[in-house]
Amino acid sequence: MTIHAAGDFGDFSLTIAVSPPPWYQNCYIVQHRPSGEIAIIDPGGDAPQIINAASKMGGTPVAIWLTHGHPDHLGAARAIEQGLNIPTIAHTEEKPVIERASDLNKTFTGQGQDGPADLHWFEGEPDFSLGGATVKVIFTPGHTPGGVCFDFGDFVVTGDTLFRHGVGRTDLPGGSEAKLWDSITRLLGKVGESPRLYSGHGPDWGADEARRWWRMMA
């Protein structure tokens, strides 16, 4: 696993932990510096290193947030729940995806997987709070039925909804190309003028560049 600090965005600090092959998945560790509260987003694997990276930030982890429930995004959730005594939070529409995550992981890797044990569900698009700061939840079904993005203002975690010059696959159970296209259009209309977009795999990019690219694609 490789871990690096992406920088500060207003009151938030962002660290990225990239899992090893085969997934190369981006886990995001976000700290609200004034309060010290930390959210861990999509911990795909290597719980000890993610816990260590959160510890080095010097704050208090409060929850795991999932953009969606595929196995490469929640593989370390149970161990982190137990290690830090925090819950995992996911959209209620992701229940069937998370329930089948172990079987899907077995399809790809030949091995089952322990999913989150302390799951808390939410509906719709509630505002989350991290250290008293508002984080907007944007519902983006398509890659999965309950996919969401987390809008921190100056940056947005887009999961597997939108990559740099790419979109999430829709051929897995619960996927819908039509819904994904609508979700990406809606996402790019809701976020600010020029936040950085951080996806589940690969590099970040700017929302302004993403809008230009999406206009050409759509």
Protein backbone atom coordinates (compact mmCIF):
# COMPACT_ATOMS: atom_id res chain seq x y z
CA MET A 1 0.00 0.00 0.00
CA THR A 2 1.22 3.51 -0.82
CA ILE A 3 0.12 6.44 1.31
CA HIS A 4 0.55 10.12 0.57
CA ALA A 5 -0.87 13.43 1.73
CA ALA A 6 -2.93 15.15 -0.96
CA GLY A 7 -2.93 18.47 0.88
CA ASP A 8 -5.18 20.84 2.77
CA PHE A 9 -8.53 22.11 1.53
CA GLY A 10 -9.86 24.81 3.83
CA ASP A 11 -10.41 23.14 7.20
CA PHE A 12 -9.89 19.65 5.78
CA SER A 13 -6.72 17.62 5.27
CA LEU A 14 -6.77 14.75 2.79
CA THR A 15 -4.57 11.63 2.79
CA ILE A 16 -4.80 8.93 0.12
CA ALA A 17 -3.99 5.26 0.75
CA VAL A 18 -3.75 3.23 -2.47
CA SER A 19 -4.25 -0.52 -2.10
CA PRO A 20 -1.89 -3.01 -3.78
CA PRO A 21 -2.77 -5.08 -6.86
CA PRO A 22 -5.13 -6.14 -8.24
CA TRP A 23 -7.36 -3.21 -7.31
CA TYR A 24 -5.15 -0.12 -6.87
CA GLN A 25 -8.11 1.37 -5.01
CA ASN A 26 -8.04 4.81 -3.39
CA CYS A 27 -9.00 4.99 0.27
CA TYR A 28 -9.42 8.56 1.50
CA ILE A 29 -8.66 9.64 5.06
CA VAL A 30 -10.17 13.05 5.70
CA GLN A 31 -9.51 15.10 8.81
CA HIS A 32 -11.39 18.20 9.92
CA ARG A 33 -8.40 19.98 11.41
CA PRO A 34 -10.18 22.36 13.85
CA SER A 35 -11.91 19.45 15.62
CA GLY A 36 -9.52 16.62 14.78
CA GLU A 37 -12.37 14.37 13.62
CA ILE A 38 -11.48 11.89 10.87
CA ALA A 39 -13.63 10.01 8.35
CA ILE A 40 -12.19 7.02 6.49
CA ILE A 41 -13.77 6.66 3.06
CA ASP A 42 -13.76 3.33 1.19
CA PRO A 43 -11.10 1.31 3.03
CA GLY A 44 -10.41 -1.33 0.40
CA GLY A 45 -7.63 -3.24 2.10
CA ASP A 46 -4.66 -3.30 4.49
CA ALA A 47 -6.41 -2.15 7.65
CA PRO A 48 -3.21 -1.80 9.76
CA GLN A 49 -1.68 0.71 7.36
CA ILE A 50 -4.91 2.72 7.09
CA ILE A 51 -5.25 2.79 10.88
CA ASN A 52 -1.60 3.86 11.18
CA ALA A 53 -2.09 6.65 8.60
CA ALA A 54 -5.15 7.93 10.46
CA SER A 55 -3.20 7.79 13.72
CA LYS A 56 -0.39 9.87 12.27
CA MET A 57 -2.87 12.63 11.47
CA GLY A 58 -3.30 13.06 15.20
CA GLY A 59 -7.08 13.20 15.36
CA THR A 60 -10.07 11.08 16.28
CA PRO A 61 -11.56 8.67 13.72
CA VAL A 62 -15.35 8.76 13.98
CA ALA A 63 -16.70 6.65 11.08
CA ILE A 64 -16.11 4.76 7.86
CA TRP A 65 -18.09 6.19 4.94
CA LEU A 66 -18.73 4.07 1.85
CA THR A 67 -19.34 5.49 -1.61
CA HIS A 68 -20.58 2.01 -2.54
CA GLY A 69 -20.36 -1.60 -1.45
CA HIS A 70 -18.07 -3.41 -3.87
CA PRO A 71 -15.42 -5.60 -2.19
CA ASP A 72 -12.47 -3.49 -3.31
CA HIS A 73 -13.93 -0.55 -1.38
CA LEU A 74 -14.81 -2.21 1.92
CA GLY A 75 -12.31 -5.04 2.37
CA ALA A 76 -10.69 -3.46 5.44
CA ALA A 77 -13.88 -2.07 6.98
CA ARG A 78 -14.48 -4.77 9.58
CA ALA A 79 -10.89 -4.73 10.87
CA ILE A 80 -10.95 -0.92 11.07
CA GLU A 81 -14.31 -0.98 12.86
CA GLN A 82 -12.83 -3.30 15.45
CA GLY A 83 -9.47 -1.54 15.66
CA LEU A 84 -10.88 1.96 16.08
CA ASN A 85 -14.33 1.20 17.53
CA ILE A 86 -16.16 3.11 14.79
CA PRO A 87 -19.17 2.25 12.59
CA THR A 88 -19.49 1.93 8.83
CA ILE A 89 -22.09 4.11 7.10
CA ALA A 90 -23.65 3.34 3.71
CA HIS A 91 -26.72 4.18 1.66
CA THR A 92 -29.65 1.86 2.28
CA GLU A 93 -29.88 1.06 -1.45
CA GLU A 94 -26.45 -0.62 -1.14
CA LYS A 95 -27.74 -3.41 1.13
CA PRO A 96 -27.94 -6.06 -1.61
CA VAL A 97 -24.51 -5.08 -2.96
CA ILE A 98 -22.83 -5.29 0.44
CA GLU A 99 -24.59 -8.55 1.23
CA ARG A 100 -23.12 -10.07 -1.96
CA ALA A 101 -19.69 -8.43 -1.69
CA SER A 102 -18.00 -11.58 -0.39
CA ASP A 103 -19.37 -13.67 -3.28
CA LEU A 104 -18.27 -11.02 -5.78
CA ASN A 105 -14.81 -10.95 -4.25
CA LYS A 106 -14.65 -14.73 -4.58
CA THR A 107 -15.52 -14.40 -8.27
CA PHE A 108 -12.60 -12.04 -8.85
CA THR A 109 -9.98 -13.40 -6.43
CA GLY A 110 -11.12 -16.88 -5.43
CA GLN A 111 -11.46 -15.80 -1.80
CA GLY A 112 -14.40 -14.74 0.35
CA GLN A 113 -14.35 -11.57 2.40
CA ASP A 114 -15.59 -10.40 5.79
CA GLY A 115 -17.83 -7.37 5.31
CA PRO A 116 -18.56 -4.58 7.77
CA ALA A 117 -20.09 -5.75 11.05
CA ASP A 118 -21.36 -2.42 12.45
CA LEU A 119 -23.35 -1.02 9.54
CA HIS A 120 -25.48 2.10 9.82
CA TRP A 121 -27.76 3.01 6.91
CA PHE A 122 -29.00 6.34 5.58
CA GLU A 123 -31.56 7.28 2.94
CA GLY A 124 -31.69 10.00 0.32
CA GLU A 125 -29.11 12.78 0.39
CA PRO A 126 -28.61 13.87 3.99
CA ASP A 127 -25.89 16.32 4.92
CA PHE A 128 -23.15 14.59 6.89
CA SER A 129 -21.13 16.38 9.57
CA LEU A 130 -17.42 16.04 10.22
CA GLY A 131 -16.29 18.11 13.18
CA GLY A 132 -19.33 20.32 12.74
CA ALA A 133 -18.52 21.03 9.08
CA THR A 134 -21.15 20.08 6.51
CA VAL A 135 -20.35 17.41 3.94
CA LYS A 136 -22.97 17.08 1.21
CA VAL A 137 -24.03 13.61 0.12
CA ILE A 138 -24.90 13.34 -3.58
CA PHE A 139 -26.84 10.23 -4.56
CA THR A 140 -25.32 8.78 -7.73
CA PRO A 141 -26.82 5.39 -8.63
CA GLY A 142 -25.63 3.63 -11.75
CA HIS A 143 -22.36 1.90 -10.94
CA THR A 144 -24.33 0.41 -8.05
CA PRO A 145 -27.91 1.12 -6.92
CA GLY A 146 -26.88 3.03 -3.81
CA GLY A 147 -23.71 4.79 -4.90
CA VAL A 148 -22.99 8.22 -3.44
CA CYS A 149 -20.37 10.96 -3.69
CA PHE A 150 -19.14 13.11 -0.80
CA ASP A 151 -18.84 16.85 -1.47
CA PHE A 152 -16.48 18.63 0.94
CA GLY A 153 -16.67 21.90 -0.98
CA ASP A 154 -13.13 22.28 -2.29
CA PHE A 155 -12.93 18.59 -3.17
CA VAL A 156 -15.36 15.77 -3.92
CA VAL A 157 -14.89 12.02 -3.44
CA THR A 158 -16.64 10.42 -6.42
CA GLY A 159 -16.04 6.71 -5.76
CA ASP A 160 -16.48 4.67 -8.93
CA THR A 161 -19.13 6.95 -10.39
CA LEU A 162 -16.64 9.13 -12.26
CA PHE A 163 -12.94 8.68 -12.97
CA ARG A 164 -10.50 10.99 -14.72
CA HIS A 165 -11.65 10.61 -18.33
CA GLY A 166 -13.66 7.53 -17.44
CA VAL A 167 -16.83 6.24 -15.79
CA GLY A 168 -17.70 3.29 -13.59
CA ARG A 169 -18.66 -0.06 -15.09
CA THR A 170 -22.33 -0.99 -15.12
CA ASP A 171 -22.19 -4.71 -15.96
CA LEU A 172 -22.11 -5.94 -12.36
CA PRO A 173 -25.34 -6.76 -10.45
CA GLY A 174 -27.37 -3.61 -9.80
CA GLY A 175 -25.58 -1.52 -12.40
CA SER A 176 -27.43 0.72 -14.86
CA GLU A 177 -25.80 2.67 -17.67
CA ALA A 178 -28.80 5.01 -18.03
CA LYS A 179 -28.80 5.82 -14.31
CA LEU A 180 -25.03 6.34 -14.28
CA TRP A 181 -25.19 8.81 -17.17
CA ASP A 182 -27.95 10.75 -15.38
CA SER A 183 -26.00 10.65 -12.12
CA ILE A 184 -22.80 12.03 -13.66
CA THR A 185 -24.70 14.88 -15.32
CA ARG A 186 -26.42 15.67 -12.04
CA LEU A 187 -23.19 15.38 -10.02
CA LEU A 188 -21.32 17.83 -12.25
CA GLY A 189 -24.25 20.22 -12.03
CA LYS A 190 -24.38 20.14 -8.23
CA VAL A 191 -20.71 20.52 -7.25
CA GLY A 192 -18.97 23.88 -7.14
CA GLU A 193 -17.22 25.60 -10.01
CA SER A 194 -13.77 24.09 -9.63
CA PRO A 195 -13.31 21.53 -6.82
CA ARG A 196 -10.88 18.64 -7.24
CA LEU A 197 -12.55 15.33 -7.97
CA TYR A 198 -11.04 12.25 -6.29
CA SER A 199 -12.20 8.90 -7.62
CA GLY A 200 -12.03 5.32 -6.41
CA HIS A 201 -9.16 4.46 -8.78
CA GLY A 202 -6.59 6.58 -10.56
CA PRO A 203 -5.67 10.27 -10.39
CA ASP A 204 -7.74 13.29 -9.43
CA TRP A 205 -8.84 16.07 -11.78
CA GLY A 206 -10.76 19.34 -11.73
CA ALA A 207 -14.53 19.67 -12.04
CA ASP A 208 -14.10 22.23 -14.83
CA GLU A 209 -12.06 19.73 -16.88
CA ALA A 210 -14.60 17.00 -16.06
CA ARG A 211 -17.49 19.12 -17.33
CA ARG A 212 -15.72 19.83 -20.62
CA TRP A 213 -14.94 16.15 -21.06
CA TRP A 214 -18.48 15.09 -20.16
CA ARG A 215 -20.03 17.52 -22.64
CA MET A 216 -17.98 15.86 -25.39
CA MET A 217 -18.87 12.39 -24.18
CA ALA A 218 -22.57 12.97 -23.63
